[in-house]
Amino acid sequence: MPRMPKRVKFRKEFRRVRDRKATKGNYVAFGDFGLQSQEGCWLTARQIEAGRIAAQHFLKREGKVYIRVFPDKPVSKKPLETRMGKGKADTDYWAARVKPGTMLYEISGVPREKAQIAMARIAMKMPVRCRFVGRRVTA
């Protein structure tokens, strides 16, 4: 089942677009390897779920997959062939705001080659260009 918030303060939101690079959530924090977005977009809950399924199907219960984005933005859409007016439409789907540089997924407990293939499978499901990154070692 696609992810969505349990409850929200407001049912509907403006369609804001912020074209800035990510300053939070832009490094590998939980796993050993990560998938980083190189462009900004709204990632739907279904796309996030498709990436999770693709990774877990390939890994076959080996390692752990961390999802670093959560769809908390309600996106409304009017039905086709509907006249203008009559208020804002109901929520059509939930989306996560993704800025360039945001870490989307992380994997731990598998070798680099296997993690790279799993991340490539996830990247196929994403609507933006992504890159494979490793954990930065600090001494």
N, C-alpha and C. Protein backbone atom coordinates (compact mmCIF):
# COMPACT_ATOMS: atom_id res chain seq x y z
N MET A 1 0.84 -1.19 0.00
CA MET A 1 0.00 0.00 0.00
C MET A 1 0.88 1.24 0.00
N PRO A 2 0.56 2.24 -0.84
CA PRO A 2 1.39 3.44 -0.90
C PRO A 2 1.38 4.19 0.44
N ARG A 3 2.48 4.86 0.71
CA ARG A 3 2.62 5.59 1.96
C ARG A 3 1.87 6.92 1.87
N MET A 4 1.35 7.36 3.02
CA MET A 4 0.71 8.66 3.13
C MET A 4 0.62 9.03 4.60
N PRO A 5 0.50 10.30 4.93
CA PRO A 5 0.43 10.70 6.34
C PRO A 5 -0.83 10.16 7.01
N LYS A 6 -0.73 9.89 8.31
CA LYS A 6 -1.89 9.43 9.07
C LYS A 6 -2.93 10.55 9.18
N ARG A 7 -2.46 11.77 9.44
CA ARG A 7 -3.34 12.92 9.44
C ARG A 7 -2.53 14.16 9.11
N VAL A 8 -3.21 15.18 8.61
CA VAL A 8 -2.55 16.43 8.22
C VAL A 8 -3.32 17.60 8.82
N LYS A 9 -2.63 18.71 8.97
CA LYS A 9 -3.26 19.90 9.54
C LYS A 9 -4.23 20.52 8.54
N PHE A 10 -3.83 20.54 7.25
CA PHE A 10 -4.68 21.09 6.20
C PHE A 10 -4.81 20.05 5.07
N ARG A 11 -6.03 19.93 4.52
CA ARG A 11 -6.29 18.93 3.50
C ARG A 11 -5.63 19.25 2.16
N LYS A 12 -5.53 20.54 1.84
CA LYS A 12 -5.03 20.94 0.53
C LYS A 12 -3.89 21.94 0.67
N GLU A 13 -2.96 21.91 -0.30
CA GLU A 13 -1.77 22.76 -0.26
C GLU A 13 -1.60 23.49 -1.57
N PHE A 14 -0.86 24.60 -1.54
CA PHE A 14 -0.48 25.30 -2.76
C PHE A 14 0.55 24.46 -3.50
N ARG A 15 0.65 24.71 -4.81
CA ARG A 15 1.62 23.98 -5.64
C ARG A 15 2.94 24.74 -5.70
N ARG A 16 3.59 24.88 -4.57
CA ARG A 16 4.85 25.62 -4.52
C ARG A 16 5.97 24.82 -5.19
N VAL A 17 6.89 25.54 -5.82
CA VAL A 17 8.08 24.91 -6.40
C VAL A 17 9.28 25.70 -5.93
N ARG A 18 10.20 25.01 -5.27
CA ARG A 18 11.43 25.65 -4.80
C ARG A 18 12.60 24.98 -5.52
N ASP A 19 13.32 25.73 -6.34
CA ASP A 19 14.45 25.18 -7.08
C ASP A 19 15.75 25.51 -6.37
N ARG A 20 15.99 24.80 -5.29
CA ARG A 20 17.26 24.96 -4.57
C ARG A 20 17.84 23.60 -4.31
N LYS A 21 19.15 23.56 -4.07
CA LYS A 21 19.79 22.28 -3.74
C LYS A 21 19.46 21.89 -2.31
N ALA A 22 19.46 20.58 -2.06
CA ALA A 22 19.13 20.08 -0.72
C ALA A 22 20.28 20.35 0.24
N THR A 23 19.94 20.87 1.42
CA THR A 23 20.95 21.08 2.46
C THR A 23 20.77 20.06 3.58
N LYS A 24 19.58 19.49 3.67
CA LYS A 24 19.31 18.43 4.66
C LYS A 24 19.03 17.14 3.91
N GLY A 25 19.41 16.03 4.50
CA GLY A 25 19.14 14.73 3.89
C GLY A 25 19.88 14.51 2.60
N ASN A 26 21.09 15.09 2.49
CA ASN A 26 21.84 14.96 1.24
C ASN A 26 23.11 14.11 1.40
N TYR A 27 23.17 13.28 2.45
CA TYR A 27 24.31 12.40 2.63
C TYR A 27 23.84 11.04 3.15
N VAL A 28 24.67 10.02 3.00
CA VAL A 28 24.33 8.67 3.46
C VAL A 28 24.42 8.65 4.98
N ALA A 29 23.28 8.41 5.64
CA ALA A 29 23.22 8.48 7.10
C ALA A 29 23.00 7.13 7.75
N PHE A 30 22.18 6.26 7.15
CA PHE A 30 21.79 5.02 7.81
C PHE A 30 22.46 3.79 7.21
N GLY A 31 22.58 3.73 5.89
CA GLY A 31 23.14 2.56 5.23
C GLY A 31 24.60 2.75 4.85
N ASP A 32 25.07 1.86 3.97
CA ASP A 32 26.44 1.93 3.47
C ASP A 32 26.50 2.61 2.10
N PHE A 33 25.42 2.47 1.32
CA PHE A 33 25.36 3.05 -0.02
C PHE A 33 24.01 3.75 -0.19
N GLY A 34 23.98 4.77 -1.06
CA GLY A 34 22.75 5.53 -1.24
C GLY A 34 22.47 5.87 -2.68
N LEU A 35 21.23 6.26 -2.95
CA LEU A 35 20.81 6.72 -4.26
C LEU A 35 20.41 8.19 -4.11
N GLN A 36 21.16 9.07 -4.79
CA GLN A 36 20.98 10.52 -4.65
C GLN A 36 20.36 11.10 -5.91
N SER A 37 19.32 11.92 -5.75
CA SER A 37 18.69 12.55 -6.92
C SER A 37 19.58 13.69 -7.41
N GLN A 38 19.61 13.89 -8.72
CA GLN A 38 20.40 14.97 -9.29
C GLN A 38 19.52 16.09 -9.81
N GLU A 39 18.20 15.88 -9.77
CA GLU A 39 17.25 16.88 -10.20
C GLU A 39 16.14 16.99 -9.15
N GLY A 40 15.37 18.04 -9.23
CA GLY A 40 14.24 18.21 -8.33
C GLY A 40 12.95 17.71 -8.95
N CYS A 41 12.04 17.22 -8.14
CA CYS A 41 10.75 16.75 -8.64
C CYS A 41 9.80 16.50 -7.48
N TRP A 42 8.58 16.14 -7.82
CA TRP A 42 7.64 15.60 -6.85
C TRP A 42 7.61 14.10 -7.07
N LEU A 43 7.99 13.34 -6.09
CA LEU A 43 8.04 11.88 -6.18
C LEU A 43 6.74 11.34 -5.59
N THR A 44 5.93 10.67 -6.40
CA THR A 44 4.64 10.18 -5.90
C THR A 44 4.84 8.97 -5.00
N ALA A 45 3.86 8.70 -4.18
CA ALA A 45 3.92 7.57 -3.25
C ALA A 45 4.03 6.25 -4.02
N ARG A 46 3.42 6.17 -5.18
CA ARG A 46 3.47 4.95 -5.99
C ARG A 46 4.87 4.73 -6.55
N GLN A 47 5.57 5.81 -6.93
CA GLN A 47 6.93 5.68 -7.45
C GLN A 47 7.89 5.24 -6.34
N ILE A 48 7.69 5.78 -5.13
CA ILE A 48 8.52 5.39 -4.00
C ILE A 48 8.32 3.91 -3.70
N GLU A 49 7.08 3.46 -3.70
CA GLU A 49 6.76 2.05 -3.44
C GLU A 49 7.32 1.14 -4.53
N ALA A 50 7.27 1.59 -5.78
CA ALA A 50 7.81 0.80 -6.89
C ALA A 50 9.31 0.61 -6.74
N GLY A 51 10.01 1.64 -6.29
CA GLY A 51 11.45 1.53 -6.04
C GLY A 51 11.75 0.57 -4.92
N ARG A 52 10.97 0.63 -3.85
CA ARG A 52 11.16 -0.29 -2.72
C ARG A 52 10.97 -1.74 -3.13
N ILE A 53 9.92 -2.01 -3.89
CA ILE A 53 9.64 -3.37 -4.34
C ILE A 53 10.75 -3.87 -5.26
N ALA A 54 11.23 -3.02 -6.17
CA ALA A 54 12.30 -3.41 -7.10
C ALA A 54 13.56 -3.80 -6.34
N ALA A 55 13.90 -3.04 -5.30
CA ALA A 55 15.11 -3.33 -4.52
C ALA A 55 14.95 -4.61 -3.71
N GLN A 56 13.84 -4.75 -3.02
CA GLN A 56 13.65 -5.91 -2.16
C GLN A 56 13.48 -7.19 -2.97
N HIS A 57 12.92 -7.10 -4.16
CA HIS A 57 12.80 -8.28 -5.02
C HIS A 57 14.18 -8.76 -5.46
N PHE A 58 15.07 -7.81 -5.76
CA PHE A 58 16.42 -8.19 -6.19
C PHE A 58 17.26 -8.70 -5.02
N LEU A 59 17.15 -8.06 -3.86
CA LEU A 59 17.99 -8.42 -2.71
C LEU A 59 17.55 -9.71 -2.03
N LYS A 60 16.30 -10.12 -2.23
CA LYS A 60 15.79 -11.39 -1.67
C LYS A 60 16.05 -11.50 -0.17
N ARG A 61 15.53 -10.56 0.62
CA ARG A 61 15.62 -10.55 2.08
C ARG A 61 17.05 -10.44 2.61
N GLU A 62 17.97 -10.02 1.77
CA GLU A 62 19.36 -9.83 2.18
C GLU A 62 19.61 -8.33 2.33
N GLY A 63 20.22 -7.91 3.43
CA GLY A 63 20.47 -6.49 3.65
C GLY A 63 19.21 -5.75 4.07
N LYS A 64 19.35 -4.43 4.20
CA LYS A 64 18.23 -3.58 4.62
C LYS A 64 18.13 -2.38 3.71
N VAL A 65 16.90 -2.04 3.32
CA VAL A 65 16.64 -0.89 2.46
C VAL A 65 16.00 0.21 3.30
N TYR A 66 16.59 1.40 3.27
CA TYR A 66 16.05 2.56 3.99
C TYR A 66 15.46 3.51 2.96
N ILE A 67 14.23 3.97 3.20
CA ILE A 67 13.60 4.97 2.34
C ILE A 67 13.73 6.31 3.04
N ARG A 68 14.40 7.26 2.40
CA ARG A 68 14.71 8.53 3.05
C ARG A 68 13.72 9.64 2.73
N VAL A 69 12.76 9.41 1.84
CA VAL A 69 11.76 10.43 1.51
C VAL A 69 10.38 9.92 1.90
N PHE A 70 9.49 10.86 2.28
CA PHE A 70 8.13 10.49 2.66
C PHE A 70 7.14 11.40 1.93
N PRO A 71 6.11 10.84 1.30
CA PRO A 71 5.13 11.67 0.58
C PRO A 71 4.17 12.36 1.54
N ASP A 72 4.40 13.64 1.80
CA ASP A 72 3.57 14.38 2.74
C ASP A 72 2.86 15.56 2.09
N LYS A 73 2.98 15.69 0.77
CA LYS A 73 2.34 16.81 0.06
C LYS A 73 1.10 16.31 -0.69
N PRO A 74 -0.09 16.80 -0.34
CA PRO A 74 -1.29 16.40 -1.08
C PRO A 74 -1.36 17.15 -2.41
N VAL A 75 -1.52 16.42 -3.50
CA VAL A 75 -1.62 17.03 -4.83
C VAL A 75 -3.03 16.79 -5.34
N SER A 76 -3.75 17.87 -5.64
CA SER A 76 -5.13 17.74 -6.09
C SER A 76 -5.20 17.86 -7.61
N LYS A 77 -6.21 17.22 -8.19
CA LYS A 77 -6.38 17.27 -9.64
C LYS A 77 -7.86 17.21 -9.97
N LYS A 78 -8.30 18.12 -10.82
CA LYS A 78 -9.71 18.11 -11.24
C LYS A 78 -9.92 17.01 -12.28
N PRO A 79 -11.12 16.40 -12.30
CA PRO A 79 -11.40 15.37 -13.31
C PRO A 79 -11.39 15.95 -14.72
N LEU A 80 -11.21 15.10 -15.72
CA LEU A 80 -11.22 15.55 -17.11
C LEU A 80 -12.61 16.07 -17.48
N GLU A 81 -12.63 17.03 -18.40
CA GLU A 81 -13.86 17.62 -18.94
C GLU A 81 -14.74 18.22 -17.84
N THR A 82 -14.10 18.84 -16.85
CA THR A 82 -14.82 19.54 -15.79
C THR A 82 -14.65 21.04 -16.01
N ARG A 83 -15.73 21.79 -15.85
CA ARG A 83 -15.65 23.24 -16.04
C ARG A 83 -14.87 23.89 -14.90
N MET A 84 -14.30 25.04 -15.19
CA MET A 84 -13.52 25.77 -14.20
C MET A 84 -14.44 26.26 -13.08
N GLY A 85 -13.84 26.51 -11.93
CA GLY A 85 -14.61 26.99 -10.79
C GLY A 85 -15.03 25.85 -9.88
N LYS A 86 -15.99 26.08 -9.03
CA LYS A 86 -16.53 25.11 -8.08
C LYS A 86 -15.49 24.65 -7.05
N GLY A 87 -14.49 25.48 -6.78
CA GLY A 87 -13.53 25.17 -5.72
C GLY A 87 -12.39 24.26 -6.15
N LYS A 88 -11.48 24.08 -5.23
CA LYS A 88 -10.30 23.25 -5.49
C LYS A 88 -10.69 21.77 -5.43
N ALA A 89 -10.06 20.98 -6.28
CA ALA A 89 -10.39 19.55 -6.36
C ALA A 89 -9.88 18.78 -5.15
N ASP A 90 -10.35 17.54 -5.01
CA ASP A 90 -9.91 16.67 -3.91
C ASP A 90 -8.50 16.16 -4.19
N THR A 91 -7.87 15.63 -3.14
CA THR A 91 -6.50 15.10 -3.26
C THR A 91 -6.50 13.91 -4.20
N ASP A 92 -5.62 13.97 -5.21
CA ASP A 92 -5.49 12.89 -6.19
C ASP A 92 -4.43 11.90 -5.76
N TYR A 93 -3.27 12.42 -5.29
CA TYR A 93 -2.19 11.55 -4.82
C TYR A 93 -1.32 12.33 -3.84
N TRP A 94 -0.43 11.60 -3.18
CA TRP A 94 0.51 12.20 -2.23
C TRP A 94 1.90 12.17 -2.84
N ALA A 95 2.67 13.24 -2.62
CA ALA A 95 3.99 13.35 -3.22
C ALA A 95 5.02 13.82 -2.19
N ALA A 96 6.26 13.44 -2.45
CA ALA A 96 7.39 13.90 -1.63
C ALA A 96 8.13 14.97 -2.43
N ARG A 97 8.45 16.07 -1.78
CA ARG A 97 9.22 17.12 -2.44
C ARG A 97 10.68 16.69 -2.47
N VAL A 98 11.27 16.59 -3.65
CA VAL A 98 12.66 16.16 -3.78
C VAL A 98 13.46 17.29 -4.41
N LYS A 99 14.50 17.73 -3.71
CA LYS A 99 15.39 18.75 -4.24
C LYS A 99 16.62 18.07 -4.83
N PRO A 100 17.36 18.76 -5.70
CA PRO A 100 18.58 18.16 -6.22
C PRO A 100 19.56 17.87 -5.08
N GLY A 101 20.05 16.64 -5.01
CA GLY A 101 20.98 16.25 -3.96
C GLY A 101 20.35 15.47 -2.83
N THR A 102 19.02 15.31 -2.84
CA THR A 102 18.33 14.57 -1.78
C THR A 102 18.65 13.08 -1.89
N MET A 103 18.91 12.45 -0.75
CA MET A 103 19.13 11.01 -0.70
C MET A 103 17.76 10.33 -0.70
N LEU A 104 17.51 9.48 -1.69
CA LEU A 104 16.21 8.84 -1.82
C LEU A 104 16.15 7.50 -1.09
N TYR A 105 17.11 6.64 -1.33
CA TYR A 105 17.16 5.31 -0.72
C TYR A 105 18.57 5.03 -0.22
N GLU A 106 18.66 4.16 0.77
CA GLU A 106 19.96 3.68 1.26
C GLU A 106 19.88 2.19 1.46
N ILE A 107 21.03 1.51 1.30
CA ILE A 107 21.11 0.06 1.48
C ILE A 107 22.29 -0.25 2.38
N SER A 108 22.09 -1.21 3.30
CA SER A 108 23.19 -1.67 4.14
C SER A 108 23.17 -3.19 4.20
N GLY A 109 24.31 -3.78 4.53
CA GLY A 109 24.40 -5.23 4.72
C GLY A 109 24.60 -6.04 3.46
N VAL A 110 24.97 -5.40 2.35
CA VAL A 110 25.26 -6.13 1.11
C VAL A 110 26.57 -5.60 0.51
N PRO A 111 27.26 -6.42 -0.31
CA PRO A 111 28.48 -5.93 -0.97
C PRO A 111 28.20 -4.82 -1.98
N ARG A 112 29.23 -4.06 -2.32
CA ARG A 112 29.09 -2.89 -3.20
C ARG A 112 28.47 -3.25 -4.55
N GLU A 113 28.91 -4.36 -5.18
CA GLU A 113 28.42 -4.73 -6.50
C GLU A 113 26.91 -5.00 -6.47
N LYS A 114 26.47 -5.72 -5.44
CA LYS A 114 25.05 -6.05 -5.32
C LYS A 114 24.23 -4.80 -5.03
N ALA A 115 24.77 -3.91 -4.19
CA ALA A 115 24.08 -2.66 -3.88
C ALA A 115 23.95 -1.79 -5.13
N GLN A 116 24.99 -1.81 -5.96
CA GLN A 116 24.98 -1.00 -7.18
C GLN A 116 23.89 -1.47 -8.15
N ILE A 117 23.74 -2.79 -8.28
CA ILE A 117 22.71 -3.33 -9.17
C ILE A 117 21.32 -3.01 -8.62
N ALA A 118 21.15 -3.16 -7.29
CA ALA A 118 19.86 -2.86 -6.66
C ALA A 118 19.48 -1.39 -6.85
N MET A 119 20.45 -0.49 -6.67
CA MET A 119 20.19 0.94 -6.84
C MET A 119 19.89 1.28 -8.30
N ALA A 120 20.52 0.57 -9.24
CA ALA A 120 20.23 0.79 -10.66
C ALA A 120 18.79 0.41 -10.97
N ARG A 121 18.30 -0.66 -10.33
CA ARG A 121 16.91 -1.08 -10.52
C ARG A 121 15.95 -0.04 -9.94
N ILE A 122 16.31 0.53 -8.80
CA ILE A 122 15.47 1.58 -8.21
C ILE A 122 15.47 2.80 -9.12
N ALA A 123 16.66 3.18 -9.63
CA ALA A 123 16.80 4.38 -10.47
C ALA A 123 15.95 4.28 -11.73
N MET A 124 15.74 3.06 -12.23
CA MET A 124 14.89 2.88 -13.42
C MET A 124 13.45 3.32 -13.14
N LYS A 125 13.02 3.19 -11.88
CA LYS A 125 11.64 3.53 -11.52
C LYS A 125 11.46 5.02 -11.19
N MET A 126 12.56 5.74 -11.01
CA MET A 126 12.49 7.14 -10.61
C MET A 126 12.32 8.07 -11.81
N PRO A 127 11.57 9.18 -11.65
CA PRO A 127 11.35 10.11 -12.76
C PRO A 127 12.50 11.11 -12.95
N VAL A 128 13.56 11.00 -12.14
CA VAL A 128 14.70 11.92 -12.23
C VAL A 128 16.00 11.14 -12.37
N ARG A 129 17.06 11.85 -12.81
CA ARG A 129 18.38 11.23 -12.88
C ARG A 129 18.90 11.04 -11.46
N CYS A 130 19.50 9.90 -11.19
CA CYS A 130 20.02 9.59 -9.86
C CYS A 130 21.45 9.11 -9.99
N ARG A 131 22.18 9.16 -8.88
CA ARG A 131 23.54 8.62 -8.89
C ARG A 131 23.77 7.78 -7.64
N PHE A 132 24.66 6.80 -7.79
CA PHE A 132 25.01 5.88 -6.72
C PHE A 132 26.14 6.50 -5.89
N VAL A 133 25.97 6.58 -4.58
CA VAL A 133 27.00 7.16 -3.73
C VAL A 133 27.29 6.22 -2.56
N GLY A 134 28.50 6.29 -2.04
CA GLY A 134 28.88 5.51 -0.88
C GLY A 134 28.96 6.39 0.36
N ARG A 135 29.11 5.75 1.49
CA ARG A 135 29.23 6.48 2.74
C ARG A 135 30.56 7.21 2.77
N ARG A 136 30.53 8.48 3.20
CA ARG A 136 31.76 9.27 3.29
C ARG A 136 32.45 8.94 4.60
N VAL A 137 33.70 8.51 4.52
CA VAL A 137 34.44 8.11 5.72
C VAL A 137 35.12 9.32 6.32
N THR A 138 34.86 9.57 7.62
CA THR A 138 35.52 10.68 8.31
C THR A 138 36.51 10.11 9.31
N ALA A 139 37.73 10.65 9.28
CA ALA A 139 38.78 10.12 10.15
C ALA A 139 39.03 11.03 11.33
